[in-house]
Amino acid sequence: MNPTNPTNPMKILILHNAVGADSRPDERDVLVQAAAVAKDLSALGHRVETAGCDLDLSSLKRRLDDTRPDLVFNLVEALDGHGRLIHLVPAALESWGIPFTGSGSAALWITTHKIMAKQRLAAAGLPTPAWIGPFPAEMPAVGNLTCPPVDVAAHRWIVKSLWEHASFGLDDSVLVSGADRESIEAILRDRAPRLGGACFAEIFVDGREFNLSVLAGPAAPQVLPPAEIVFEDFGPDRPRIVGYRAKWAEESFEYRHTTRRFASDEDDGGLLARLRDIAAQCWRVFDLRGWARVDFRVDGAGHPWILEVNANPCLAPDAGFAAAVARAGLTSAEAMAQIVAEAV
């Protein structure tokens, strides 16, 4: 079955997390993604349905048994508002033998748990900032500050949610300076309830920020053009972070002054080549599929640091992945065709 051949269409169910009237802006955004994907898949000739799902996986199984889709396009980002449950629907689809787009349950589980992701990056020899935590401790913190040792008080630290993405809980208060390890651990205990129940701290890399999107290809993943986030008119007292307001509060200074530009090989050729290579390595290390994004900071010495590996980044038309697709000379429908082709 050819996923790009409109004379032989597939029945595709676009599955996303259920959204309610009280859902946050980052949660409601999945509806924008679903509409955009549906438009592209329909343009490719496929028969498309869209459905929201929740923790009632038995109900989901009944719907799948009734509709019998050829493929599920998985846009589920959370269940019951919890990002840590992102892997449950893919795990169920794997158990039921139903093909779906994007990364599998193991990749989603590991990349969503930011400490497990950092441990895997460190084990693969890929650069990620040193960390403290998580709190509550769910596993031994193998490979963090003890290898190599770090002078905690000499660094600035950023406190992040362990499980939640979309810059959940990130604001100016998350940066900590001049604190020893015990003080930072106390801060983690205090902030965990406000950060999805668990959090950690990592060394804050005060430098340039890059996002590299990766798209499944017929023979190998395609690393799309690198985008840099530019912090325009940020004074010395305003932290250069892409926090929650920068992503979701359209009226805010942060939203209006964090802009995306595509980096030039002429200006940053060596650095961009290194970022592309690391992004491709992340795809292999985590066994990613479909589409992904790797977020970097580059310090003052030009060294890149991996902040996050996102196994299912936003597919909304105004998001970074769509911008990188267009910059690569592809239409959004062509990108969707590549994602579907890999999954069938």
Protein backbone atom coordinates (compact mmCIF):
# COMPACT_ATOMS: atom_id res chain seq x y z
CA MET A 1 0.00 0.00 0.00
CA ASN A 2 1.46 3.32 -1.12
CA PRO A 3 0.70 6.03 1.50
CA THR A 4 1.23 8.83 -1.07
CA ASN A 5 -0.95 7.34 -3.81
CA PRO A 6 -4.43 8.92 -3.75
CA THR A 7 -5.83 6.14 -5.94
CA ASN A 8 -5.13 3.67 -3.14
CA PRO A 9 -6.09 5.62 -0.01
CA MET A 10 -5.59 4.47 3.55
CA LYS A 11 -8.00 4.85 6.43
CA ILE A 12 -6.06 6.87 9.02
CA LEU A 13 -7.25 7.69 12.54
CA ILE A 14 -5.60 10.80 13.99
CA LEU A 15 -5.46 10.20 17.72
CA HIS A 16 -4.84 12.99 20.22
CA ASN A 17 -5.25 13.52 23.95
CA ALA A 18 -8.72 14.65 24.98
CA VAL A 19 -8.95 18.40 25.63
CA GLY A 20 -11.42 20.12 27.92
CA ALA A 21 -12.63 23.68 28.41
CA ASP A 22 -10.24 24.11 31.35
CA SER A 23 -7.16 22.79 29.51
CA ARG A 24 -4.03 24.95 29.36
CA PRO A 25 -3.02 26.64 26.06
CA ASP A 26 -0.25 24.09 25.48
CA GLU A 27 -2.78 21.27 25.89
CA ARG A 28 -5.35 22.86 23.53
CA ASP A 29 -2.66 23.25 20.86
CA VAL A 30 -3.00 19.55 20.01
CA LEU A 31 -6.33 20.35 18.34
CA VAL A 32 -4.53 22.75 15.99
CA GLN A 33 -2.02 20.02 15.21
CA ALA A 34 -4.74 17.44 14.53
CA ALA A 35 -6.55 19.80 12.13
CA ALA A 36 -3.34 20.55 10.23
CA VAL A 37 -2.39 16.87 9.94
CA ALA A 38 -5.91 15.97 8.84
CA LYS A 39 -5.78 18.60 6.09
CA ASP A 40 -2.47 17.27 4.76
CA LEU A 41 -3.47 13.61 4.92
CA SER A 42 -6.74 14.35 3.15
CA ALA A 43 -4.82 16.23 0.45
CA LEU A 44 -2.75 13.07 -0.03
CA GLY A 45 -5.96 11.14 -0.70
CA HIS A 46 -6.34 9.33 2.60
CA ARG A 47 -9.62 8.88 4.45
CA VAL A 48 -9.17 10.59 7.79
CA GLU A 49 -10.95 10.51 11.12
CA THR A 50 -9.92 12.34 14.29
CA ALA A 51 -10.53 11.25 17.87
CA GLY A 52 -9.51 12.28 21.37
CA CYS A 53 -8.59 9.69 23.96
CA ASP A 54 -8.25 9.57 27.73
CA LEU A 55 -7.31 7.02 30.37
CA ASP A 56 -10.15 4.71 29.27
CA LEU A 57 -8.04 2.50 27.00
CA SER A 58 -10.82 -0.09 26.82
CA SER A 59 -12.99 2.50 25.09
CA LEU A 60 -10.13 3.26 22.71
CA LYS A 61 -9.77 -0.43 21.90
CA ARG A 62 -13.50 -0.69 21.11
CA ARG A 63 -13.28 2.30 18.78
CA LEU A 64 -10.29 0.83 16.98
CA ASP A 65 -12.06 -2.52 16.64
CA ASP A 66 -15.08 -0.75 15.17
CA THR A 67 -13.27 1.57 12.76
CA ARG A 68 -10.35 -0.75 11.89
CA PRO A 69 -7.98 1.96 10.64
CA ASP A 70 -5.02 1.02 8.46
CA LEU A 71 -2.88 3.39 10.51
CA VAL A 72 -3.08 5.56 13.63
CA PHE A 73 -1.42 8.97 13.42
CA ASN A 74 -0.36 9.40 17.04
CA LEU A 75 -0.52 12.94 18.43
CA VAL A 76 -1.14 11.94 22.05
CA GLU A 77 1.03 14.17 24.24
CA ALA A 78 -0.43 13.38 27.67
CA LEU A 79 -3.30 11.59 29.37
CA ASP A 80 -5.42 13.17 32.07
CA GLY A 81 -3.08 16.18 31.88
CA HIS A 82 0.03 14.17 32.75
CA GLY A 83 2.93 14.11 30.30
CA ARG A 84 4.47 11.15 32.10
CA LEU A 85 1.65 8.99 30.63
CA ILE A 86 2.60 9.79 27.04
CA HIS A 87 3.83 6.27 26.36
CA LEU A 88 0.62 4.45 27.34
CA VAL A 89 -1.27 4.81 24.06
CA PRO A 90 1.71 3.74 21.90
CA ALA A 91 2.30 0.81 24.26
CA ALA A 92 -1.34 -0.22 23.85
CA LEU A 93 -1.14 0.11 20.05
CA GLU A 94 2.01 -2.01 20.04
CA SER A 95 0.28 -4.66 22.17
CA TRP A 96 -2.76 -4.67 19.87
CA GLY A 97 -0.64 -4.90 16.72
CA ILE A 98 -1.94 -1.62 15.25
CA PRO A 99 0.59 0.39 13.20
CA PHE A 100 1.08 4.01 14.18
CA THR A 101 3.25 6.96 13.28
CA GLY A 102 6.09 8.36 15.32
CA SER A 103 8.31 6.93 18.00
CA GLY A 104 7.48 3.82 19.97
CA SER A 105 6.52 3.60 23.61
CA ALA A 106 10.06 2.97 24.89
CA ALA A 107 11.51 6.00 23.10
CA LEU A 108 8.67 8.21 24.33
CA TRP A 109 9.04 6.98 27.91
CA ILE A 110 12.79 7.55 28.04
CA THR A 111 12.87 10.93 26.29
CA THR A 112 9.96 12.27 28.37
CA HIS A 113 11.76 11.34 31.62
CA LYS A 114 14.47 13.97 31.27
CA ILE A 115 16.93 12.32 33.67
CA MET A 116 16.71 8.95 31.93
CA ALA A 117 17.28 10.80 28.67
CA LYS A 118 20.31 12.61 30.08
CA GLN A 119 21.75 9.36 31.41
CA ARG A 120 21.43 7.76 27.99
CA LEU A 121 23.02 10.79 26.33
CA ALA A 122 25.92 10.70 28.79
CA ALA A 123 26.38 6.96 28.26
CA ALA A 124 26.56 7.57 24.49
CA GLY A 125 29.21 10.25 24.97
CA LEU A 126 26.87 13.06 23.90
CA PRO A 127 27.10 16.43 25.69
CA THR A 128 24.38 17.28 28.20
CA PRO A 129 24.69 19.67 31.18
CA ALA A 130 25.40 18.17 34.61
CA TRP A 131 22.36 17.80 36.85
CA ILE A 132 21.10 17.37 40.39
CA GLY A 133 18.07 15.22 41.14
CA PRO A 134 15.46 14.25 40.39
CA PHE A 135 13.23 14.86 43.38
CA PRO A 136 11.53 12.66 44.37
CA ALA A 137 14.34 10.23 43.57
CA GLU A 138 13.00 7.36 41.48
CA MET A 139 16.35 5.78 40.67
CA PRO A 140 20.03 6.18 41.49
CA ALA A 141 21.37 9.35 39.91
CA VAL A 142 24.03 7.50 37.92
CA GLY A 143 26.40 9.64 35.92
CA ASN A 144 25.46 13.09 37.17
CA LEU A 145 27.62 15.26 39.42
CA THR A 146 29.96 12.49 40.47
CA CYS A 147 31.35 11.97 36.97
CA PRO A 148 33.02 14.38 36.63
CA PRO A 149 32.68 16.29 39.93
CA VAL A 150 31.21 19.80 39.68
CA ASP A 151 31.60 22.80 41.97
CA VAL A 152 27.89 23.38 42.52
CA ALA A 153 28.10 26.90 43.94
CA ALA A 154 30.26 28.08 41.03
CA HIS A 155 27.45 27.51 38.52
CA ARG A 156 24.04 28.91 37.72
CA TRP A 157 21.31 26.26 37.72
CA ILE A 158 17.91 25.98 36.08
CA VAL A 159 15.09 24.00 37.72
CA LYS A 160 12.88 21.99 35.35
CA SER A 161 9.95 19.63 35.50
CA LEU A 162 11.09 16.03 35.24
CA TRP A 163 8.21 14.86 33.05
CA GLU A 164 6.33 17.81 31.59
CA HIS A 165 7.29 19.47 28.33
CA ALA A 166 6.10 22.60 26.45
CA SER A 167 8.20 24.70 28.93
CA PHE A 168 5.78 23.80 31.71
CA GLY A 169 6.65 25.76 34.86
CA LEU A 170 9.56 27.65 33.29
CA ASP A 171 9.69 31.30 34.34
CA ASP A 172 12.29 33.75 35.62
CA SER A 173 12.24 32.15 39.08
CA VAL A 174 13.71 28.84 37.88
CA LEU A 175 17.30 30.13 37.81
CA VAL A 176 19.41 29.61 40.94
CA SER A 177 22.89 31.06 41.57
CA GLY A 178 25.46 30.65 44.32
CA ALA A 179 23.72 27.76 46.04
CA ASP A 180 25.31 24.58 47.36
CA ARG A 181 23.93 21.14 46.62
CA GLU A 182 21.88 20.93 49.82
CA SER A 183 20.23 24.26 49.04
CA ILE A 184 19.37 23.18 45.53
CA GLU A 185 17.92 19.91 46.79
CA ALA A 186 15.74 21.92 49.19
CA ILE A 187 14.54 24.05 46.27
CA LEU A 188 13.65 20.89 44.33
CA ARG A 189 11.60 19.58 47.26
CA ASP A 190 9.75 22.89 47.46
CA ARG A 191 9.02 23.25 43.74
CA ALA A 192 8.23 19.67 42.77
CA PRO A 193 4.47 19.99 43.47
CA ARG A 194 4.30 22.97 41.08
CA LEU A 195 6.29 21.19 38.35
CA GLY A 196 4.17 18.12 37.74
CA GLY A 197 5.21 16.36 40.94
CA ALA A 198 8.91 15.88 40.16
CA CYS A 199 11.79 18.12 39.08
CA PHE A 200 15.55 18.41 38.75
CA ALA A 201 18.21 21.07 38.27
CA GLU A 202 20.84 21.27 35.56
CA ILE A 203 23.66 23.71 34.86
CA PHE A 204 22.28 26.70 32.96
CA VAL A 205 24.18 27.24 29.72
CA ASP A 206 24.00 30.98 29.07
CA GLY A 207 24.53 31.08 25.33
CA ARG A 208 22.87 30.66 21.95
CA GLU A 209 19.85 28.35 21.59
CA PHE A 210 19.23 26.11 18.57
CA ASN A 211 16.46 23.70 17.59
CA LEU A 212 17.14 20.95 15.06
CA SER A 213 14.14 19.09 13.68
CA VAL A 214 14.55 15.61 12.21
CA LEU A 215 12.20 13.95 9.71
CA ALA A 216 12.01 10.28 8.76
CA GLY A 217 13.34 9.65 5.28
CA PRO A 218 13.24 6.74 2.85
CA ALA A 219 16.80 5.65 3.63
CA ALA A 220 17.93 7.73 6.62
CA PRO A 221 16.55 10.48 8.86
CA GLN A 222 16.65 13.94 7.32
CA VAL A 223 18.06 16.62 9.62
CA LEU A 224 16.20 19.80 8.69
CA PRO A 225 17.76 23.30 8.61
CA PRO A 226 18.92 24.45 12.06
CA ALA A 227 16.87 27.22 13.66
CA GLU A 228 18.21 29.64 16.26
CA ILE A 229 16.04 31.29 18.89
CA VAL A 230 16.97 34.97 19.12
CA PHE A 231 16.32 36.83 22.37
CA GLU A 232 15.59 40.33 21.11
CA ASP A 233 15.91 43.31 23.48
CA PHE A 234 16.47 41.07 26.51
CA GLY A 235 18.23 43.25 29.06
CA PRO A 236 20.90 41.89 31.42
CA ASP A 237 18.31 41.26 34.14
CA ARG A 238 15.95 39.23 31.95
CA PRO A 239 16.89 35.54 31.72
CA ARG A 240 17.39 34.27 28.18
CA ILE A 241 15.14 31.23 28.41
CA VAL A 242 12.27 30.01 26.26
CA GLY A 243 9.81 29.78 29.14
CA TYR A 244 6.10 29.09 29.21
CA ARG A 245 5.16 32.70 28.48
CA ALA A 246 7.51 32.81 25.49
CA LYS A 247 5.65 29.87 23.95
CA TRP A 248 2.04 30.42 24.96
CA ALA A 249 1.29 33.94 26.28
CA GLU A 250 0.83 35.92 23.06
CA GLU A 251 0.50 39.26 24.85
CA SER A 252 3.78 38.88 26.74
CA PHE A 253 7.16 40.48 26.10
CA GLU A 254 8.76 37.03 26.01
CA TYR A 255 6.40 35.78 23.28
CA ARG A 256 6.95 38.85 21.09
CA HIS A 257 10.72 39.01 21.58
CA THR A 258 11.83 35.39 21.17
CA THR A 259 12.05 34.98 17.41
CA ARG A 260 13.18 32.16 15.18
CA ARG A 261 15.77 32.58 12.48
CA PHE A 262 17.48 29.97 10.36
CA ALA A 263 21.21 29.79 10.87
CA SER A 264 23.64 30.26 8.01
CA ASP A 265 26.39 27.82 7.08
CA GLU A 266 28.35 30.82 5.86
CA ASP A 267 28.43 32.25 9.39
CA ASP A 268 28.33 29.10 11.54
CA GLY A 269 29.24 26.25 9.20
CA GLY A 270 31.41 24.25 11.60
CA LEU A 271 29.01 24.62 14.50
CA LEU A 272 25.95 23.72 12.42
CA ALA A 273 27.67 20.63 11.04
CA ARG A 274 28.36 19.52 14.62
CA LEU A 275 24.73 20.17 15.64
CA ARG A 276 23.43 18.19 12.65
CA ASP A 277 25.69 15.28 13.50
CA ILE A 278 24.60 15.23 17.14
CA ALA A 279 20.91 15.43 16.16
CA ALA A 280 21.34 12.42 13.86
CA GLN A 281 23.12 10.54 16.66
CA CYS A 282 20.22 11.29 19.02
CA TRP A 283 17.81 9.79 16.47
CA ARG A 284 19.81 6.56 16.51
CA VAL A 285 20.55 6.48 20.26
CA PHE A 286 16.85 6.76 21.19
CA ASP A 287 15.52 4.75 18.21
CA LEU A 288 13.32 7.66 17.15
CA ARG A 289 10.81 7.45 14.31
CA GLY A 290 8.59 9.78 12.32
CA TRP A 291 9.67 13.21 13.49
CA ALA A 292 11.65 14.67 16.37
CA ARG A 293 13.47 17.75 17.59
CA VAL A 294 16.72 18.19 19.49
CA ASP A 295 17.17 21.40 21.51
CA PHE A 296 20.65 22.78 22.13
CA ARG A 297 22.46 25.53 23.94
CA VAL A 298 25.89 26.60 22.69
CA ASP A 299 28.19 28.11 25.29
CA GLY A 300 30.56 31.04 24.87
CA ALA A 301 33.37 28.72 23.77
CA GLY A 302 31.22 27.30 20.97
CA HIS A 303 30.52 23.95 22.65
CA PRO A 304 27.02 22.52 22.07
CA TRP A 305 24.97 21.04 24.93
CA ILE A 306 21.83 18.95 24.47
CA LEU A 307 18.96 20.30 26.54
CA GLU A 308 16.21 17.98 25.40
CA VAL A 309 15.30 15.32 22.88
CA ASN A 310 11.64 15.71 21.94
CA ALA A 311 10.27 12.56 20.32
CA ASN A 312 6.95 14.14 19.27
CA PRO A 313 7.39 17.89 18.79
CA CYS A 314 4.48 20.13 17.86
CA LEU A 315 3.18 19.83 14.30
CA ALA A 316 1.11 23.04 14.33
CA PRO A 317 1.65 25.25 11.26
CA ASP A 318 3.23 28.04 13.34
CA ALA A 319 5.63 25.76 15.23
CA GLY A 320 9.32 25.19 14.67
CA PHE A 321 8.99 21.81 12.96
CA ALA A 322 6.70 23.21 10.23
CA ALA A 323 9.05 26.16 9.74
CA ALA A 324 12.03 23.81 9.34
CA VAL A 325 10.10 21.66 6.85
CA ALA A 326 9.34 24.73 4.74
CA ARG A 327 12.94 25.92 4.98
CA ALA A 328 14.05 22.53 3.63
CA GLY A 329 11.89 23.10 0.55
CA LEU A 330 9.21 20.57 1.48
CA THR A 331 5.48 21.09 1.76
CA SER A 332 3.78 20.01 4.97
CA ALA A 333 1.92 17.32 2.99
CA GLU A 334 5.23 15.94 1.70
CA ALA A 335 6.52 15.75 5.27
CA MET A 336 3.36 13.94 6.39
CA ALA A 337 3.78 11.50 3.50
CA GLN A 338 7.30 10.66 4.69
CA ILE A 339 6.08 10.13 8.25
CA VAL A 340 3.27 7.86 7.06
CA ALA A 341 5.51 5.95 4.67
CA GLU A 342 7.88 5.01 7.47
CA ALA A 343 5.04 3.66 9.61
CA VAL A 344 3.43 1.28 7.08
